[in-house]
Amino acid sequence: MRFFVTLFVLSALSACETIEGFGRDLSKAGNEITQEARKAQ
């Protein structure tokens, strides 16, 4: 689980080209983590 989140974050960071893109990618990663946490409950 943690491996997939890390892989997602790294791929998102490598894909973004601007600060705005970084913010969107970081937001997506946060949403993924939140969804996984809700599933685990």
PDB file of N, CA and C in Angstrom:
ATOM      1  N   MET A   1       0.829  -1.193   0.000  1.00  0.00           N
ATOM      2  CA  MET A   1       0.000   0.000   0.000  1.00  0.00           C
ATOM      3  C   MET A   1       0.871   1.253   0.000  1.00  0.00           C
ATOM      4  N   ARG A   2       1.761   1.327   0.958  1.00  0.00           N
ATOM      5  CA  ARG A   2       2.616   2.502   1.074  1.00  0.00           C
ATOM      6  C   ARG A   2       3.490   2.658  -0.175  1.00  0.00           C
ATOM      7  N   PHE A   3       3.904   1.530  -0.736  1.00  0.00           N
ATOM      8  CA  PHE A   3       4.726   1.539  -1.953  1.00  0.00           C
ATOM      9  C   PHE A   3       3.980   2.197  -3.105  1.00  0.00           C
ATOM     10  N   PHE A   4       2.702   1.865  -3.267  1.00  0.00           N
ATOM     11  CA  PHE A   4       1.916   2.419  -4.360  1.00  0.00           C
ATOM     12  C   PHE A   4       1.704   3.921  -4.203  1.00  0.00           C
ATOM     13  N   VAL A   5       1.478   4.366  -2.977  1.00  0.00           N
ATOM     14  CA  VAL A   5       1.311   5.797  -2.727  1.00  0.00           C
ATOM     15  C   VAL A   5       2.615   6.530  -3.049  1.00  0.00           C
ATOM     16  N   THR A   6       3.733   5.972  -2.608  1.00  0.00           N
ATOM     17  CA  THR A   6       5.034   6.576  -2.892  1.00  0.00           C
ATOM     18  C   THR A   6       5.286   6.623  -4.393  1.00  0.00           C
ATOM     19  N   LEU A   7       4.992   5.544  -5.074  1.00  0.00           N
ATOM     20  CA  LEU A   7       5.167   5.499  -6.523  1.00  0.00           C
ATOM     21  C   LEU A   7       4.296   6.543  -7.213  1.00  0.00           C
ATOM     22  N   PHE A   8       3.072   6.686  -6.763  1.00  0.00           N
ATOM     23  CA  PHE A   8       2.162   7.677  -7.331  1.00  0.00           C
ATOM     24  C   PHE A   8       2.699   9.088  -7.129  1.00  0.00           C
ATOM     25  N   VAL A   9       3.151   9.385  -5.921  1.00  0.00           N
ATOM     26  CA  VAL A   9       3.662  10.719  -5.613  1.00  0.00           C
ATOM     27  C   VAL A   9       4.893  11.025  -6.460  1.00  0.00           C
ATOM     28  N   LEU A  10       5.788  10.072  -6.567  1.00  0.00           N
ATOM     29  CA  LEU A  10       6.997  10.288  -7.364  1.00  0.00           C
ATOM     30  C   LEU A  10       6.672  10.504  -8.839  1.00  0.00           C
ATOM     31  N   SER A  11       5.740   9.733  -9.355  1.00  0.00           N
ATOM     32  CA  SER A  11       5.375   9.905 -10.763  1.00  0.00           C
ATOM     33  C   SER A  11       4.656  11.233 -10.978  1.00  0.00           C
ATOM     34  N   ALA A  12       3.846  11.637 -10.018  1.00  0.00           N
ATOM     35  CA  ALA A  12       3.160  12.925 -10.123  1.00  0.00           C
ATOM     36  C   ALA A  12       4.160  14.074 -10.075  1.00  0.00           C
ATOM     37  N   LEU A  13       5.140  13.972  -9.206  1.00  0.00           N
ATOM     38  CA  LEU A  13       6.144  15.030  -9.101  1.00  0.00           C
ATOM     39  C   LEU A  13       6.993  15.118 -10.358  1.00  0.00           C
ATOM     40  N   SER A  14       7.287  13.995 -10.952  1.00  0.00           N
ATOM     41  CA  SER A  14       8.110  14.018 -12.156  1.00  0.00           C
ATOM     42  C   SER A  14       7.323  14.540 -13.359  1.00  0.00           C
ATOM     43  N   ALA A  15       6.004  14.459 -13.299  1.00  0.00           N
ATOM     44  CA  ALA A  15       5.177  14.883 -14.420  1.00  0.00           C
ATOM     45  C   ALA A  15       4.874  16.380 -14.407  1.00  0.00           C
ATOM     46  N   CYS A  16       4.904  16.997 -13.243  1.00  0.00           N
ATOM     47  CA  CYS A  16       4.521  18.408 -13.189  1.00  0.00           C
ATOM     48  C   CYS A  16       5.670  19.304 -13.631  1.00  0.00           C
ATOM     49  N   GLU A  17       5.333  20.408 -14.275  1.00  0.00           N
ATOM     50  CA  GLU A  17       6.348  21.300 -14.830  1.00  0.00           C
ATOM     51  C   GLU A  17       6.321  22.689 -14.196  1.00  0.00           C
ATOM     52  N   THR A  18       5.265  23.016 -13.503  1.00  0.00           N
ATOM     53  CA  THR A  18       5.156  24.347 -12.899  1.00  0.00           C
ATOM     54  C   THR A  18       4.738  24.213 -11.444  1.00  0.00           C
ATOM     55  N   ILE A  19       4.820  25.313 -10.728  1.00  0.00           N
ATOM     56  CA  ILE A  19       4.373  25.319  -9.330  1.00  0.00           C
ATOM     57  C   ILE A  19       2.882  25.005  -9.256  1.00  0.00           C
ATOM     58  N   GLU A  20       2.121  25.531 -10.185  1.00  0.00           N
ATOM     59  CA  GLU A  20       0.678  25.245 -10.216  1.00  0.00           C
ATOM     60  C   GLU A  20       0.443  23.753 -10.452  1.00  0.00           C
ATOM     61  N   GLY A  21       1.196  23.182 -11.366  1.00  0.00           N
ATOM     62  CA  GLY A  21       1.093  21.749 -11.627  1.00  0.00           C
ATOM     63  C   GLY A  21       1.473  20.937 -10.407  1.00  0.00           C
ATOM     64  N   PHE A  22       2.494  21.388  -9.694  1.00  0.00           N
ATOM     65  CA  PHE A  22       2.911  20.705  -8.470  1.00  0.00           C
ATOM     66  C   PHE A  22       1.793  20.719  -7.442  1.00  0.00           C
ATOM     67  N   GLY A  23       1.114  21.862  -7.321  1.00  0.00           N
ATOM     68  CA  GLY A  23       0.000  21.959  -6.376  1.00  0.00           C
ATOM     69  C   GLY A  23      -1.128  21.001  -6.730  1.00  0.00           C
ATOM     70  N   ARG A  24      -1.442  20.899  -8.010  1.00  0.00           N
ATOM     71  CA  ARG A  24      -2.501  19.968  -8.436  1.00  0.00           C
ATOM     72  C   ARG A  24      -2.085  18.523  -8.159  1.00  0.00           C
ATOM     73  N   ASP A  25      -0.835  18.199  -8.479  1.00  0.00           N
ATOM     74  CA  ASP A  25      -0.355  16.840  -8.259  1.00  0.00           C
ATOM     75  C   ASP A  25      -0.356  16.497  -6.770  1.00  0.00           C
ATOM     76  N   LEU A  26       0.064  17.437  -5.947  1.00  0.00           N
ATOM     77  CA  LEU A  26       0.090  17.208  -4.509  1.00  0.00           C
ATOM     78  C   LEU A  26      -1.321  17.028  -3.968  1.00  0.00           C
ATOM     79  N   SER A  27      -2.264  17.795  -4.503  1.00  0.00           N
ATOM     80  CA  SER A  27      -3.656  17.666  -4.093  1.00  0.00           C
ATOM     81  C   SER A  27      -4.218  16.292  -4.464  1.00  0.00           C
ATOM     82  N   LYS A  28      -3.897  15.829  -5.660  1.00  0.00           N
ATOM     83  CA  LYS A  28      -4.344  14.501  -6.086  1.00  0.00           C
ATOM     84  C   LYS A  28      -3.774  13.417  -5.182  1.00  0.00           C
ATOM     85  N   ALA A  29      -2.499  13.559  -4.834  1.00  0.00           N
ATOM     86  CA  ALA A  29      -1.870  12.573  -3.948  1.00  0.00           C
ATOM     87  C   ALA A  29      -2.554  12.579  -2.588  1.00  0.00           C
ATOM     88  N   GLY A  30      -2.869  13.754  -2.084  1.00  0.00           N
ATOM     89  CA  GLY A  30      -3.570  13.857  -0.805  1.00  0.00           C
ATOM     90  C   GLY A  30      -4.944  13.218  -0.860  1.00  0.00           C
ATOM     91  N   ASN A  31      -5.639  13.418  -1.962  1.00  0.00           N
ATOM     92  CA  ASN A  31      -6.956  12.798  -2.119  1.00  0.00           C
ATOM     93  C   ASN A  31      -6.850  11.281  -2.154  1.00  0.00           C
ATOM     94  N   GLU A  32      -5.841  10.754  -2.831  1.00  0.00           N
ATOM     95  CA  GLU A  32      -5.641   9.303  -2.886  1.00  0.00           C
ATOM     96  C   GLU A  32      -5.376   8.745  -1.495  1.00  0.00           C
ATOM     97  N   ILE A  33      -4.549   9.424  -0.722  1.00  0.00           N
ATOM     98  CA  ILE A  33      -4.229   8.970   0.634  1.00  0.00           C
ATOM     99  C   ILE A  33      -5.481   8.994   1.498  1.00  0.00           C
ATOM    100  N   THR A  34      -6.279  10.048   1.363  1.00  0.00           N
ATOM    101  CA  THR A  34      -7.518  10.151   2.133  1.00  0.00           C
ATOM    102  C   THR A  34      -8.481   9.022   1.781  1.00  0.00           C
ATOM    103  N   GLN A  35      -8.622   8.723   0.500  1.00  0.00           N
ATOM    104  CA  GLN A  35      -9.514   7.644   0.079  1.00  0.00           C
ATOM    105  C   GLN A  35      -9.047   6.298   0.614  1.00  0.00           C
ATOM    106  N   GLU A  36      -7.766   6.047   0.561  1.00  0.00           N
ATOM    107  CA  GLU A  36      -7.233   4.774   1.083  1.00  0.00           C
ATOM    108  C   GLU A  36      -7.430   4.665   2.588  1.00  0.00           C
ATOM    109  N   ALA A  37      -7.286   5.776   3.288  1.00  0.00           N
ATOM    110  CA  ALA A  37      -7.489   5.774   4.743  1.00  0.00           C
ATOM    111  C   ALA A  37      -8.948   5.480   5.076  1.00  0.00           C
ATOM    112  N   ARG A  38      -9.864   6.037   4.297  1.00  0.00           N
ATOM    113  CA  ARG A  38     -11.283   5.768   4.535  1.00  0.00           C
ATOM    114  C   ARG A  38     -11.638   4.316   4.267  1.00  0.00           C
ATOM    115  N   LYS A  39     -11.018   3.731   3.237  1.00  0.00           N
ATOM    116  CA  LYS A  39     -11.261   2.314   2.924  1.00  0.00           C
ATOM    117  C   LYS A  39     -10.757   1.423   4.049  1.00  0.00           C
ATOM    118  N   ALA A  40      -9.657   1.813   4.681  1.00  0.00           N
ATOM    119  CA  ALA A  40      -9.036   0.997   5.707  1.00  0.00           C
ATOM    120  C   ALA A  40      -9.842   1.011   7.019  1.00  0.00           C
ATOM    121  N   GLN A  41     -10.685   2.014   7.192  1.00  0.00           N
ATOM    122  CA  GLN A  41     -11.433   2.110   8.445  1.00  0.00           C
ATOM    123  C   GLN A  41     -12.509   1.099   8.537  1.00  0.00           C
TER     124      GLN A  41
END
